[in-house]
Amino acid sequence: PWDQMSDEFDVFDLSFWRHEITAGGGGNGEFQAYVNSRNNSWVEGGALHLRPTATADVIGQGPLIAGGTLD
């Protein structure tokens, strides 16, 4: 069960943990893209760190306003 699962995160074990790579919005209808980037997920000091990044910070504000695409 979920409440019995633990990981010490001495290393980022990619044989067990996987990144969800999608632009499906997480089921809430919002524009969200999930990517595999060490800017957003890494292990340090025995802890898993997760950091959201605004799409505009990656591709710029212009493409978002002008109907650009995320490839």
PDB file of N, CA and C in Angstrom:
ATOM      1  N   PRO A   1       0.815  -1.210   0.000  1.00  0.00           N
ATOM      2  CA  PRO A   1       0.000   0.000   0.000  1.00  0.00           C
ATOM      3  C   PRO A   1       0.849   1.261   0.000  1.00  0.00           C
ATOM      4  N   TRP A   2       0.256   2.359  -0.438  1.00  0.00           N
ATOM      5  CA  TRP A   2       0.964   3.627  -0.557  1.00  0.00           C
ATOM      6  C   TRP A   2       1.579   4.060   0.769  1.00  0.00           C
ATOM      7  N   ASP A   3       0.896   3.895   1.881  1.00  0.00           N
ATOM      8  CA  ASP A   3       1.393   4.378   3.163  1.00  0.00           C
ATOM      9  C   ASP A   3       2.589   3.582   3.675  1.00  0.00           C
ATOM     10  N   GLN A   4       2.909   2.454   3.035  1.00  0.00           N
ATOM     11  CA  GLN A   4       4.045   1.649   3.448  1.00  0.00           C
ATOM     12  C   GLN A   4       5.235   1.816   2.508  1.00  0.00           C
ATOM     13  N   MET A   5       5.103   2.641   1.489  1.00  0.00           N
ATOM     14  CA  MET A   5       6.173   2.831   0.531  1.00  0.00           C
ATOM     15  C   MET A   5       7.111   3.928   1.020  1.00  0.00           C
ATOM     16  N   SER A   6       8.416   3.695   0.882  1.00  0.00           N
ATOM     17  CA  SER A   6       9.380   4.731   1.216  1.00  0.00           C
ATOM     18  C   SER A   6      10.604   4.580   0.329  1.00  0.00           C
ATOM     19  N   ASP A   7      11.351   5.648   0.205  1.00  0.00           N
ATOM     20  CA  ASP A   7      12.598   5.635  -0.544  1.00  0.00           C
ATOM     21  C   ASP A   7      13.500   6.661   0.117  1.00  0.00           C
ATOM     22  N   GLU A   8      14.725   6.286   0.371  1.00  0.00           N
ATOM     23  CA  GLU A   8      15.660   7.183   1.053  1.00  0.00           C
ATOM     24  C   GLU A   8      16.265   8.217   0.112  1.00  0.00           C
ATOM     25  N   PHE A   9      16.203   7.992  -1.197  1.00  0.00           N
ATOM     26  CA  PHE A   9      16.688   8.920  -2.208  1.00  0.00           C
ATOM     27  C   PHE A   9      18.165   9.283  -2.030  1.00  0.00           C
ATOM     28  N   ASP A  10      18.977   8.241  -1.810  1.00  0.00           N
ATOM     29  CA  ASP A  10      20.423   8.448  -1.859  1.00  0.00           C
ATOM     30  C   ASP A  10      20.846   8.710  -3.299  1.00  0.00           C
ATOM     31  N   VAL A  11      20.124   8.086  -4.241  1.00  0.00           N
ATOM     32  CA  VAL A  11      20.306   8.305  -5.675  1.00  0.00           C
ATOM     33  C   VAL A  11      18.926   8.359  -6.306  1.00  0.00           C
ATOM     34  N   PHE A  12      18.839   8.917  -7.511  1.00  0.00           N
ATOM     35  CA  PHE A  12      17.577   8.948  -8.246  1.00  0.00           C
ATOM     36  C   PHE A  12      17.489   7.640  -9.019  1.00  0.00           C
ATOM     37  N   ASP A  13      16.791   6.657  -8.464  1.00  0.00           N
ATOM     38  CA  ASP A  13      16.709   5.315  -9.040  1.00  0.00           C
ATOM     39  C   ASP A  13      15.705   5.301 -10.189  1.00  0.00           C
ATOM     40  N   LEU A  14      16.201   5.538 -11.411  1.00  0.00           N
ATOM     41  CA  LEU A  14      15.322   5.606 -12.577  1.00  0.00           C
ATOM     42  C   LEU A  14      14.833   4.232 -13.023  1.00  0.00           C
ATOM     43  N   SER A  15      15.324   3.157 -12.397  1.00  0.00           N
ATOM     44  CA  SER A  15      14.763   1.836 -12.679  1.00  0.00           C
ATOM     45  C   SER A  15      13.455   1.644 -11.913  1.00  0.00           C
ATOM     46  N   PHE A  16      13.224   2.498 -10.897  1.00  0.00           N
ATOM     47  CA  PHE A  16      11.991   2.423 -10.107  1.00  0.00           C
ATOM     48  C   PHE A  16      11.083   3.621 -10.361  1.00  0.00           C
ATOM     49  N   TRP A  17      11.661   4.813 -10.379  1.00  0.00           N
ATOM     50  CA  TRP A  17      10.893   6.043 -10.568  1.00  0.00           C
ATOM     51  C   TRP A  17      10.910   6.456 -12.025  1.00  0.00           C
ATOM     52  N   ARG A  18       9.792   6.918 -12.531  1.00  0.00           N
ATOM     53  CA  ARG A  18       9.675   7.360 -13.917  1.00  0.00           C
ATOM     54  C   ARG A  18       9.054   8.754 -13.963  1.00  0.00           C
ATOM     55  N   HIS A  19       9.496   9.540 -14.933  1.00  0.00           N
ATOM     56  CA  HIS A  19       8.879  10.840 -15.172  1.00  0.00           C
ATOM     57  C   HIS A  19       7.635  10.638 -16.034  1.00  0.00           C
ATOM     58  N   GLU A  20       6.594  11.340 -15.693  1.00  0.00           N
ATOM     59  CA  GLU A  20       5.407  11.364 -16.548  1.00  0.00           C
ATOM     60  C   GLU A  20       5.651  12.444 -17.598  1.00  0.00           C
ATOM     61  N   ILE A  21       5.645  12.050 -18.864  1.00  0.00           N
ATOM     62  CA  ILE A  21       5.891  12.993 -19.950  1.00  0.00           C
ATOM     63  C   ILE A  21       4.599  13.124 -20.748  1.00  0.00           C
ATOM     64  N   THR A  22       3.928  14.263 -20.575  1.00  0.00           N
ATOM     65  CA  THR A  22       2.630  14.466 -21.212  1.00  0.00           C
ATOM     66  C   THR A  22       2.295  15.957 -21.236  1.00  0.00           C
ATOM     67  N   ALA A  23       1.388  16.333 -22.063  1.00  0.00           N
ATOM     68  CA  ALA A  23       0.826  17.680 -22.052  1.00  0.00           C
ATOM     69  C   ALA A  23      -0.682  17.583 -21.846  1.00  0.00           C
ATOM     70  N   GLY A  24      -1.109  16.533 -21.182  1.00  0.00           N
ATOM     71  CA  GLY A  24      -2.521  16.259 -20.992  1.00  0.00           C
ATOM     72  C   GLY A  24      -3.206  17.077 -19.918  1.00  0.00           C
ATOM     73  N   GLY A  25      -2.461  17.841 -19.118  1.00  0.00           N
ATOM     74  CA  GLY A  25      -3.091  18.718 -18.139  1.00  0.00           C
ATOM     75  C   GLY A  25      -3.423  18.071 -16.817  1.00  0.00           C
ATOM     76  N   GLY A  26      -3.060  16.831 -16.605  1.00  0.00           N
ATOM     77  CA  GLY A  26      -3.305  16.207 -15.312  1.00  0.00           C
ATOM     78  C   GLY A  26      -4.767  15.973 -15.004  1.00  0.00           C
ATOM     79  N   GLY A  27      -5.633  16.031 -16.006  1.00  0.00           N
ATOM     80  CA  GLY A  27      -7.042  15.739 -15.809  1.00  0.00           C
ATOM     81  C   GLY A  27      -7.878  16.906 -15.319  1.00  0.00           C
ATOM     82  N   ASN A  28      -7.306  18.095 -15.202  1.00  0.00           N
ATOM     83  CA  ASN A  28      -8.079  19.219 -14.692  1.00  0.00           C
ATOM     84  C   ASN A  28      -8.387  20.265 -15.754  1.00  0.00           C
ATOM     85  N   GLY A  29      -8.028  19.978 -17.016  1.00  0.00           N
ATOM     86  CA  GLY A  29      -8.356  20.883 -18.109  1.00  0.00           C
ATOM     87  C   GLY A  29      -7.409  22.064 -18.262  1.00  0.00           C
ATOM     88  N   GLU A  30      -6.423  22.189 -17.398  1.00  0.00           N
ATOM     89  CA  GLU A  30      -5.464  23.278 -17.516  1.00  0.00           C
ATOM     90  C   GLU A  30      -4.342  22.881 -18.467  1.00  0.00           C
ATOM     91  N   PHE A  31      -3.687  23.876 -19.058  1.00  0.00           N
ATOM     92  CA  PHE A  31      -2.524  23.585 -19.891  1.00  0.00           C
ATOM     93  C   PHE A  31      -1.351  23.305 -18.973  1.00  0.00           C
ATOM     94  N   GLN A  32      -0.888  22.068 -18.975  1.00  0.00           N
ATOM     95  CA  GLN A  32       0.262  21.663 -18.182  1.00  0.00           C
ATOM     96  C   GLN A  32       1.075  20.689 -19.012  1.00  0.00           C
ATOM     97  N   ALA A  33       2.382  20.844 -18.988  1.00  0.00           N
ATOM     98  CA  ALA A  33       3.274  19.910 -19.670  1.00  0.00           C
ATOM     99  C   ALA A  33       4.199  19.301 -18.631  1.00  0.00           C
ATOM    100  N   TYR A  34       4.294  17.993 -18.652  1.00  0.00           N
ATOM    101  CA  TYR A  34       5.179  17.270 -17.747  1.00  0.00           C
ATOM    102  C   TYR A  34       6.348  16.753 -18.571  1.00  0.00           C
ATOM    103  N   VAL A  35       7.576  17.078 -18.155  1.00  0.00           N
ATOM    104  CA  VAL A  35       8.769  16.751 -18.935  1.00  0.00           C
ATOM    105  C   VAL A  35       9.780  16.016 -18.065  1.00  0.00           C
ATOM    106  N   ASN A  36      10.784  15.436 -18.709  1.00  0.00           N
ATOM    107  CA  ASN A  36      11.878  14.775 -18.023  1.00  0.00           C
ATOM    108  C   ASN A  36      13.053  15.741 -18.017  1.00  0.00           C
ATOM    109  N   SER A  37      13.197  16.497 -16.942  1.00  0.00           N
ATOM    110  CA  SER A  37      14.243  17.518 -16.871  1.00  0.00           C
ATOM    111  C   SER A  37      14.844  17.556 -15.472  1.00  0.00           C
ATOM    112  N   ARG A  38      16.163  17.536 -15.399  1.00  0.00           N
ATOM    113  CA  ARG A  38      16.822  17.644 -14.098  1.00  0.00           C
ATOM    114  C   ARG A  38      16.713  19.059 -13.537  1.00  0.00           C
ATOM    115  N   ASN A  39      16.192  20.000 -14.324  1.00  0.00           N
ATOM    116  CA  ASN A  39      15.870  21.321 -13.780  1.00  0.00           C
ATOM    117  C   ASN A  39      14.652  21.239 -12.873  1.00  0.00           C
ATOM    118  N   ASN A  40      13.836  20.197 -13.073  1.00  0.00           N
ATOM    119  CA  ASN A  40      12.583  20.061 -12.333  1.00  0.00           C
ATOM    120  C   ASN A  40      12.596  18.950 -11.288  1.00  0.00           C
ATOM    121  N   SER A  41      13.490  17.978 -11.415  1.00  0.00           N
ATOM    122  CA  SER A  41      13.519  16.872 -10.455  1.00  0.00           C
ATOM    123  C   SER A  41      14.947  16.385 -10.280  1.00  0.00           C
ATOM    124  N   TRP A  42      15.366  16.274  -9.026  1.00  0.00           N
ATOM    125  CA  TRP A  42      16.706  15.795  -8.727  1.00  0.00           C
ATOM    126  C   TRP A  42      16.755  15.322  -7.278  1.00  0.00           C
ATOM    127  N   VAL A  43      17.795  14.561  -6.963  1.00  0.00           N
ATOM    128  CA  VAL A  43      18.024  14.070  -5.611  1.00  0.00           C
ATOM    129  C   VAL A  43      19.245  14.789  -5.041  1.00  0.00           C
ATOM    130  N   GLU A  44      19.088  15.279  -3.834  1.00  0.00           N
ATOM    131  CA  GLU A  44      20.187  15.967  -3.166  1.00  0.00           C
ATOM    132  C   GLU A  44      19.997  15.847  -1.661  1.00  0.00           C
ATOM    133  N   GLY A  45      21.039  15.499  -0.952  1.00  0.00           N
ATOM    134  CA  GLY A  45      20.967  15.416   0.506  1.00  0.00           C
ATOM    135  C   GLY A  45      19.980  14.387   1.013  1.00  0.00           C
ATOM    136  N   GLY A  46      19.797  13.296   0.271  1.00  0.00           N
ATOM    137  CA  GLY A  46      18.881  12.240   0.689  1.00  0.00           C
ATOM    138  C   GLY A  46      17.416  12.551   0.470  1.00  0.00           C
ATOM    139  N   ALA A  47      17.123  13.594  -0.285  1.00  0.00           N
ATOM    140  CA  ALA A  47      15.729  13.990  -0.525  1.00  0.00           C
ATOM    141  C   ALA A  47      15.471  14.172  -2.015  1.00  0.00           C
ATOM    142  N   LEU A  48      14.258  13.858  -2.428  1.00  0.00           N
ATOM    143  CA  LEU A  48      13.809  14.115  -3.792  1.00  0.00           C
ATOM    144  C   LEU A  48      13.284  15.544  -3.851  1.00  0.00           C
ATOM    145  N   HIS A  49      13.804  16.320  -4.798  1.00  0.00           N
ATOM    146  CA  HIS A  49      13.368  17.699  -4.981  1.00  0.00           C
ATOM    147  C   HIS A  49      12.562  17.792  -6.273  1.00  0.00           C
ATOM    148  N   LEU A  50      11.411  18.416  -6.201  1.00  0.00           N
ATOM    149  CA  LEU A  50      10.540  18.647  -7.359  1.00  0.00           C
ATOM    150  C   LEU A  50      10.277  20.144  -7.446  1.00  0.00           C
ATOM    151  N   ARG A  51      10.516  20.708  -8.634  1.00  0.00           N
ATOM    152  CA  ARG A  51      10.317  22.143  -8.812  1.00  0.00           C
ATOM    153  C   ARG A  51       9.513  22.381 -10.092  1.00  0.00           C
ATOM    154  N   PRO A  52       8.376  23.044  -9.989  1.00  0.00           N
ATOM    155  CA  PRO A  52       7.621  23.382 -11.200  1.00  0.00           C
ATOM    156  C   PRO A  52       8.321  24.501 -11.964  1.00  0.00           C
ATOM    157  N   THR A  53       8.170  24.504 -13.261  1.00  0.00           N
ATOM    158  CA  THR A  53       8.719  25.550 -14.109  1.00  0.00           C
ATOM    159  C   THR A  53       7.602  26.074 -14.999  1.00  0.00           C
ATOM    160  N   ALA A  54       7.438  27.381 -15.031  1.00  0.00           N
ATOM    161  CA  ALA A  54       6.426  27.976 -15.903  1.00  0.00           C
ATOM    162  C   ALA A  54       6.839  27.786 -17.361  1.00  0.00           C
ATOM    163  N   THR A  55       5.887  27.410 -18.197  1.00  0.00           N
ATOM    164  CA  THR A  55       6.166  27.199 -19.615  1.00  0.00           C
ATOM    165  C   THR A  55       6.764  28.455 -20.240  1.00  0.00           C
ATOM    166  N   ALA A  56       6.304  29.616 -19.843  1.00  0.00           N
ATOM    167  CA  ALA A  56       6.829  30.876 -20.382  1.00  0.00           C
ATOM    168  C   ALA A  56       8.314  31.042 -20.068  1.00  0.00           C
ATOM    169  N   ASP A  57       8.771  30.472 -18.952  1.00  0.00           N
ATOM    170  CA  ASP A  57      10.184  30.542 -18.620  1.00  0.00           C
ATOM    171  C   ASP A  57      11.028  29.672 -19.550  1.00  0.00           C
ATOM    172  N   VAL A  58      10.413  28.697 -20.198  1.00  0.00           N
ATOM    173  CA  VAL A  58      11.133  27.785 -21.091  1.00  0.00           C
ATOM    174  C   VAL A  58      11.061  28.254 -22.542  1.00  0.00           C
ATOM    175  N   ILE A  59       9.843  28.607 -23.022  1.00  0.00           N
ATOM    176  CA  ILE A  59       9.681  28.957 -24.444  1.00  0.00           C
ATOM    177  C   ILE A  59       9.415  30.442 -24.663  1.00  0.00           C
ATOM    178  N   GLY A  60       9.277  31.209 -23.583  1.00  0.00           N
ATOM    179  CA  GLY A  60       9.003  32.633 -23.704  1.00  0.00           C
ATOM    180  C   GLY A  60       7.510  32.925 -23.674  1.00  0.00           C
ATOM    181  N   GLN A  61       7.168  34.143 -23.378  1.00  0.00           N
ATOM    182  CA  GLN A  61       5.765  34.559 -23.283  1.00  0.00           C
ATOM    183  C   GLN A  61       5.113  34.698 -24.657  1.00  0.00           C
ATOM    184  N   GLY A  62       5.884  35.149 -25.667  1.00  0.00           N
ATOM    185  CA  GLY A  62       5.338  35.392 -26.996  1.00  0.00           C
ATOM    186  C   GLY A  62       4.609  34.213 -27.612  1.00  0.00           C
ATOM    187  N   PRO A  63       5.224  33.028 -27.669  1.00  0.00           N
ATOM    188  CA  PRO A  63       4.537  31.895 -28.263  1.00  0.00           C
ATOM    189  C   PRO A  63       3.244  31.514 -27.545  1.00  0.00           C
ATOM    190  N   LEU A  64       3.183  31.757 -26.258  1.00  0.00           N
ATOM    191  CA  LEU A  64       1.958  31.443 -25.507  1.00  0.00           C
ATOM    192  C   LEU A  64       0.821  32.370 -25.913  1.00  0.00           C
ATOM    193  N   ILE A  65       1.137  33.642 -26.125  1.00  0.00           N
ATOM    194  CA  ILE A  65       0.114  34.621 -26.475  1.00  0.00           C
ATOM    195  C   ILE A  65      -0.282  34.487 -27.950  1.00  0.00           C
ATOM    196  N   ALA A  66       0.698  34.175 -28.808  1.00  0.00           N
ATOM    197  CA  ALA A  66       0.463  34.144 -30.246  1.00  0.00           C
ATOM    198  C   ALA A  66       0.017  32.778 -30.761  1.00  0.00           C
ATOM    199  N   GLY A  67      -0.324  31.864 -29.872  1.00  0.00           N
ATOM    200  CA  GLY A  67      -0.804  30.559 -30.306  1.00  0.00           C
ATOM    201  C   GLY A  67       0.306  29.645 -30.794  1.00  0.00           C
ATOM    202  N   GLY A  68       1.485  29.750 -30.191  1.00  0.00           N
ATOM    203  CA  GLY A  68       2.609  28.896 -30.555  1.00  0.00           C
ATOM    204  C   GLY A  68       2.365  27.448 -30.194  1.00  0.00           C
ATOM    205  N   THR A  69       3.309  26.602 -30.521  1.00  0.00           N
ATOM    206  CA  THR A  69       3.179  25.175 -30.229  1.00  0.00           C
ATOM    207  C   THR A  69       4.291  24.730 -29.289  1.00  0.00           C
ATOM    208  N   LEU A  70       4.018  23.691 -28.556  1.00  0.00           N
ATOM    209  CA  LEU A  70       4.992  23.066 -27.675  1.00  0.00           C
ATOM    210  C   LEU A  70       5.372  21.749 -28.308  1.00  0.00           C
ATOM    211  N   ASP A  71       6.617  21.632 -28.711  1.00  0.00           N
ATOM    212  CA  ASP A  71       7.062  20.418 -29.413  1.00  0.00           C
ATOM    213  C   ASP A  71       7.923  19.581 -28.492  1.00  0.00           C
TER     214      ASP A  71
END
